[in-house]
N, C-alpha and C. Protein backbone atom coordinates (compact mmCIF):
# COMPACT_ATOMS: atom_id res chain seq x y z
N MET A 1 25.36 7.72 29.49
CA MET A 1 26.20 6.54 29.98
C MET A 1 27.13 6.41 29.54
N SER A 2 27.80 7.14 28.38
CA SER A 2 28.83 7.07 27.93
C SER A 2 29.96 8.18 28.71
N LYS A 3 29.34 9.22 29.09
CA LYS A 3 29.97 9.96 29.96
C LYS A 3 30.45 9.63 31.10
N GLN A 4 29.68 8.60 31.74
CA GLN A 4 29.95 8.08 32.91
C GLN A 4 31.00 6.82 32.89
N ASP A 5 30.86 6.20 31.37
CA ASP A 5 32.09 5.14 31.58
C ASP A 5 33.48 5.94 30.93
N LEU A 6 33.14 7.22 30.58
CA LEU A 6 34.43 8.05 30.17
C LEU A 6 35.01 8.49 31.42
N PHE A 7 34.32 9.22 32.58
CA PHE A 7 34.86 9.31 33.92
C PHE A 7 35.50 8.05 34.58
N ILE A 8 34.99 7.08 34.49
CA ILE A 8 35.44 5.98 35.05
C ILE A 8 36.67 5.47 34.69
N GLY A 9 36.86 5.62 33.35
CA GLY A 9 37.79 5.05 32.55
C GLY A 9 39.10 6.33 33.10
N PHE A 10 38.48 7.29 33.31
CA PHE A 10 39.67 8.80 33.66
C PHE A 10 40.41 8.19 34.91
N LEU A 11 39.39 8.02 35.58
CA LEU A 11 39.35 7.32 37.28
C LEU A 11 40.56 6.20 37.35
N VAL A 12 40.13 5.25 36.48
CA VAL A 12 40.96 4.14 36.39
C VAL A 12 42.40 4.21 35.92
N GLY A 13 42.62 5.30 35.08
CA GLY A 13 43.73 5.67 34.62
C GLY A 13 44.75 6.38 35.53
N LEU A 14 44.11 7.46 36.11
CA LEU A 14 44.63 8.06 37.32
C LEU A 14 45.22 7.21 38.28
N ALA A 15 44.20 6.06 38.64
CA ALA A 15 44.80 5.20 39.87
C ALA A 15 46.06 4.41 39.42
N ALA A 16 45.60 3.94 38.21
CA ALA A 16 46.71 3.01 37.41
C ALA A 16 48.05 3.70 37.72
N ASN A 17 48.36 5.19 37.12
CA ASN A 17 49.11 5.81 37.19
C ASN A 17 50.14 6.17 38.87
N ILE A 18 49.04 6.50 39.39
CA ILE A 18 49.42 6.25 40.58
C ILE A 18 50.30 5.02 41.16
N GLY A 19 49.30 4.53 41.12
CA GLY A 19 49.84 2.69 41.42
C GLY A 19 51.00 2.49 40.58
N GLY A 20 51.35 2.82 39.50
CA GLY A 20 52.52 2.53 38.80
C GLY A 20 53.65 3.34 39.51
N VAL A 21 53.42 4.61 39.78
CA VAL A 21 54.47 5.20 40.80
C VAL A 21 54.85 4.59 41.73
N PHE A 22 54.00 4.12 42.58
CA PHE A 22 54.55 3.35 44.00
C PHE A 22 55.05 2.13 43.50
N LEU A 23 54.64 1.32 42.60
CA LEU A 23 55.43 0.42 42.46
C LEU A 23 56.75 0.49 41.86
N TYR A 24 56.84 1.63 41.03
CA TYR A 24 58.28 1.83 40.47
C TYR A 24 58.97 2.11 41.77
N ILE A 25 58.53 3.18 42.48
CA ILE A 25 59.23 3.48 43.58
C ILE A 25 59.72 1.97 44.57
N SER A 26 58.67 1.24 44.87
CA SER A 26 58.98 0.41 45.88
C SER A 26 59.98 -0.67 45.20
N ILE A 27 59.98 -0.90 43.88
CA ILE A 27 60.78 -1.85 43.48
C ILE A 27 62.44 -1.58 43.52
N PHE A 28 62.46 -0.33 42.72
CA PHE A 28 63.64 0.22 42.40
C PHE A 28 64.22 1.34 43.50
N SER A 29 63.81 1.65 44.41
CA SER A 29 64.17 2.72 44.99
C SER A 29 64.59 2.33 46.28
N GLU A 30 65.93 2.58 46.70
CA GLU A 30 66.20 2.25 48.10
C GLU A 30 65.43 2.82 49.57
N MET A 31 64.91 3.96 49.19
CA MET A 31 64.37 4.82 50.26
C MET A 31 62.86 4.72 50.30
N ASN A 32 62.46 5.31 51.13
CA ASN A 32 60.59 5.19 51.24
C ASN A 32 60.28 5.99 50.65
N ILE A 33 58.69 6.00 50.29
CA ILE A 33 57.66 6.90 49.32
C ILE A 33 58.01 8.41 49.43
N ASP A 34 58.11 8.59 50.69
CA ASP A 34 57.97 10.24 50.92
C ASP A 34 59.57 10.68 50.61
N ASP A 35 60.29 10.03 51.09
CA ASP A 35 61.95 10.68 50.91
C ASP A 35 62.16 10.38 49.05
N THR A 36 61.53 9.31 48.85
CA THR A 36 61.91 9.18 47.17
C THR A 36 61.29 10.63 46.34
N LEU A 37 59.88 10.66 46.86
CA LEU A 37 59.22 11.97 46.08
C LEU A 37 59.94 13.06 46.61
N ALA A 38 60.25 13.71 47.82
CA ALA A 38 60.85 14.51 48.06
C ALA A 38 62.27 14.89 47.52
N ASP A 39 62.92 13.69 47.07
CA ASP A 39 64.30 13.87 46.52
C ASP A 39 64.13 13.99 44.81
N ALA A 40 62.69 13.55 44.32
CA ALA A 40 62.62 13.63 43.02
C ALA A 40 62.03 15.20 42.69
N VAL A 41 61.44 15.81 43.59
CA VAL A 41 60.85 17.13 43.63
C VAL A 41 62.67 18.00 43.59
N ARG A 42 63.33 17.74 44.73
CA ARG A 42 64.58 18.43 44.71
C ARG A 42 65.25 18.18 43.50
N ASN A 43 65.52 17.02 42.96
CA ASN A 43 66.56 17.42 41.86
C ASN A 43 65.54 17.16 40.22
N GLU A 44 64.36 17.64 40.45
CA GLU A 44 63.89 17.81 39.37
C GLU A 44 63.94 16.54 38.30
N TYR A 45 63.63 15.28 38.85
CA TYR A 45 62.93 14.21 38.01
C TYR A 45 61.60 13.75 38.36
N LEU A 46 60.91 14.44 39.37
CA LEU A 46 59.56 13.87 39.41
C LEU A 46 58.37 13.76 37.90
N GLY A 47 58.81 14.44 36.93
CA GLY A 47 58.60 14.19 35.66
C GLY A 47 58.71 12.82 35.42
N LYS A 48 59.66 12.48 35.13
CA LYS A 48 60.25 11.08 34.68
C LYS A 48 59.65 10.17 35.43
N LEU A 49 59.50 10.29 36.85
CA LEU A 49 59.03 9.26 37.67
C LEU A 49 57.37 9.06 37.52
N ILE A 50 56.88 10.38 37.18
CA ILE A 50 55.37 10.00 36.92
C ILE A 50 55.48 9.68 35.34
N ALA A 51 55.68 9.63 34.48
CA ALA A 51 56.07 9.12 33.21
C ALA A 51 56.22 7.67 33.16
N LEU A 52 57.36 7.27 34.13
CA LEU A 52 57.39 5.75 34.15
C LEU A 52 56.20 5.26 34.91
N GLY A 53 55.27 5.76 35.69
CA GLY A 53 54.18 5.09 36.71
C GLY A 53 53.01 5.22 35.18
N ALA A 54 53.13 6.01 34.19
CA ALA A 54 52.10 5.81 33.41
C ALA A 54 52.25 4.75 32.37
N ILE A 55 53.43 4.00 32.63
CA ILE A 55 53.39 2.89 31.54
C ILE A 55 52.38 1.87 32.11
N LEU A 56 51.91 1.44 33.63
CA LEU A 56 51.00 0.96 34.05
C LEU A 56 49.83 1.09 33.37
N ASN A 57 49.40 2.19 32.70
CA ASN A 57 48.17 2.14 31.95
C ASN A 57 48.00 1.66 30.74
N PHE A 58 48.71 0.89 30.26
CA PHE A 58 48.66 -0.43 29.27
C PHE A 58 47.62 -1.39 29.64
N LEU A 59 47.71 -1.72 31.03
CA LEU A 59 47.08 -2.58 31.38
C LEU A 59 45.62 -2.58 31.22
N PRO A 60 44.91 -1.43 32.17
CA PRO A 60 43.90 -1.35 32.14
C PRO A 60 43.01 -0.99 30.48
N PHE A 61 44.05 -0.16 30.01
CA PHE A 61 43.53 0.25 28.73
C PHE A 61 43.42 -1.04 27.66
N PHE A 62 44.04 -2.09 27.51
CA PHE A 62 43.79 -2.98 26.94
C PHE A 62 43.06 -4.04 27.47
N VAL A 63 42.74 -4.50 28.58
CA VAL A 63 41.48 -4.92 29.10
C VAL A 63 40.28 -4.38 28.83
N PHE A 64 40.26 -3.31 28.86
CA PHE A 64 38.83 -2.28 28.47
C PHE A 64 39.03 -2.74 27.10
N LEU A 65 39.84 -2.53 26.22
CA LEU A 65 39.38 -2.66 24.47
C LEU A 65 39.22 -4.49 24.58
N ASN A 66 39.41 -5.33 25.11
CA ASN A 66 39.29 -6.63 25.18
C ASN A 66 37.96 -6.94 25.42
N LYS A 67 37.59 -6.20 26.21
CA LYS A 67 36.19 -6.48 26.72
C LYS A 67 35.05 -5.33 26.44
N LYS A 68 35.81 -4.72 25.16
CA LYS A 68 34.57 -4.15 24.04
C LYS A 68 33.93 -2.56 25.12
N GLN A 69 34.61 -2.45 26.11
CA GLN A 69 34.23 -1.12 26.80
C GLN A 69 35.24 -0.03 25.94
N HIS A 70 34.82 0.73 24.93
CA HIS A 70 35.68 1.37 24.39
C HIS A 70 35.72 2.89 24.98
N TYR A 71 34.61 3.37 25.76
CA TYR A 71 34.48 4.75 26.25
C TYR A 71 35.24 4.48 27.54
N HIS A 72 35.36 3.41 28.42
CA HIS A 72 36.38 3.33 29.56
C HIS A 72 37.85 3.37 28.84
N ALA A 73 37.98 2.64 27.77
CA ALA A 73 39.38 2.72 27.22
C ALA A 73 39.69 4.43 27.03
N ARG A 74 38.57 4.78 26.48
CA ARG A 74 39.31 6.22 25.76
C ARG A 74 39.20 6.98 27.38
N GLY A 75 38.59 6.80 28.29
CA GLY A 75 39.07 7.79 29.86
C GLY A 75 40.25 7.23 30.05
N VAL A 76 40.95 6.12 29.85
CA VAL A 76 42.32 5.80 30.38
C VAL A 76 43.09 6.76 29.29
N LEU A 77 42.83 6.59 27.96
CA LEU A 77 43.56 7.41 26.90
C LEU A 77 43.68 8.84 27.23
N PHE A 78 42.47 9.40 27.80
CA PHE A 78 42.20 10.72 27.96
C PHE A 78 43.14 11.15 29.70
N ALA A 79 43.11 10.27 30.40
CA ALA A 79 43.79 10.17 31.85
C ALA A 79 45.71 10.61 31.43
N THR A 80 45.76 9.74 30.49
CA THR A 80 47.25 9.54 30.04
C THR A 80 47.47 10.97 29.38
N ILE A 81 46.83 11.32 28.73
CA ILE A 81 47.17 12.58 27.72
C ILE A 81 47.19 13.63 28.89
N CYS A 82 46.42 13.71 29.88
CA CYS A 82 46.21 14.82 30.65
C CYS A 82 47.45 14.79 31.61
N ILE A 83 48.00 13.31 31.98
CA ILE A 83 49.29 13.50 32.80
C ILE A 83 50.55 13.86 32.04
N ALA A 84 50.30 13.54 30.53
CA ALA A 84 51.64 14.10 29.70
C ALA A 84 51.53 15.74 29.70
N VAL A 85 50.34 16.38 29.95
CA VAL A 85 50.18 17.60 29.38
C VAL A 85 50.79 18.40 30.95
N ALA A 86 50.31 17.55 31.97
CA ALA A 86 50.77 18.07 33.20
C ALA A 86 51.98 18.06 33.31
N ILE A 87 52.93 17.03 32.98
CA ILE A 87 54.40 16.81 33.06
C ILE A 87 54.97 17.56 32.67
N ALA A 88 54.56 18.29 31.17
CA ALA A 88 55.36 19.15 30.19
C ALA A 88 54.90 20.68 30.97
N VAL A 89 53.58 20.84 31.34
CA VAL A 89 53.36 22.16 32.16
C VAL A 89 54.65 22.30 33.36
N TYR A 90 54.60 21.29 34.02
CA TYR A 90 55.48 21.12 35.23
C TYR A 90 56.94 21.23 34.83
N LYS A 91 57.49 20.90 33.51
CA LYS A 91 58.58 21.01 33.08
C LYS A 91 58.96 22.61 32.60
N ILE A 92 57.89 23.03 32.18
CA ILE A 92 58.04 24.74 31.75
C ILE A 92 58.16 25.65 32.72
N VAL A 93 57.15 25.30 33.77
CA VAL A 93 57.40 26.24 34.93
C VAL A 93 58.58 25.70 35.90
N SER A 94 59.10 24.73 36.03
CA SER A 94 60.40 24.65 36.96
C SER A 94 61.93 24.41 36.16
């Protein structure tokens, strides 16, 4: 049961990060989503954009903690760590 809860939390963390990126782009960017992501890759600030989207992971993390769903919260934390490692690898490679 705990592996399934961890996986659900991981998926929620990834979804929250993707939602955070789209929310950030829709609020602060004058271009549409496709153009903003293409510009982020071209000008090498995609990692910063993804990191800003990860701020939205605080919401499901603390909701899961308040509901005493600790394995879900661990999954969200694991997703955040995986995203941070992916950003670091992306920065090193590019």
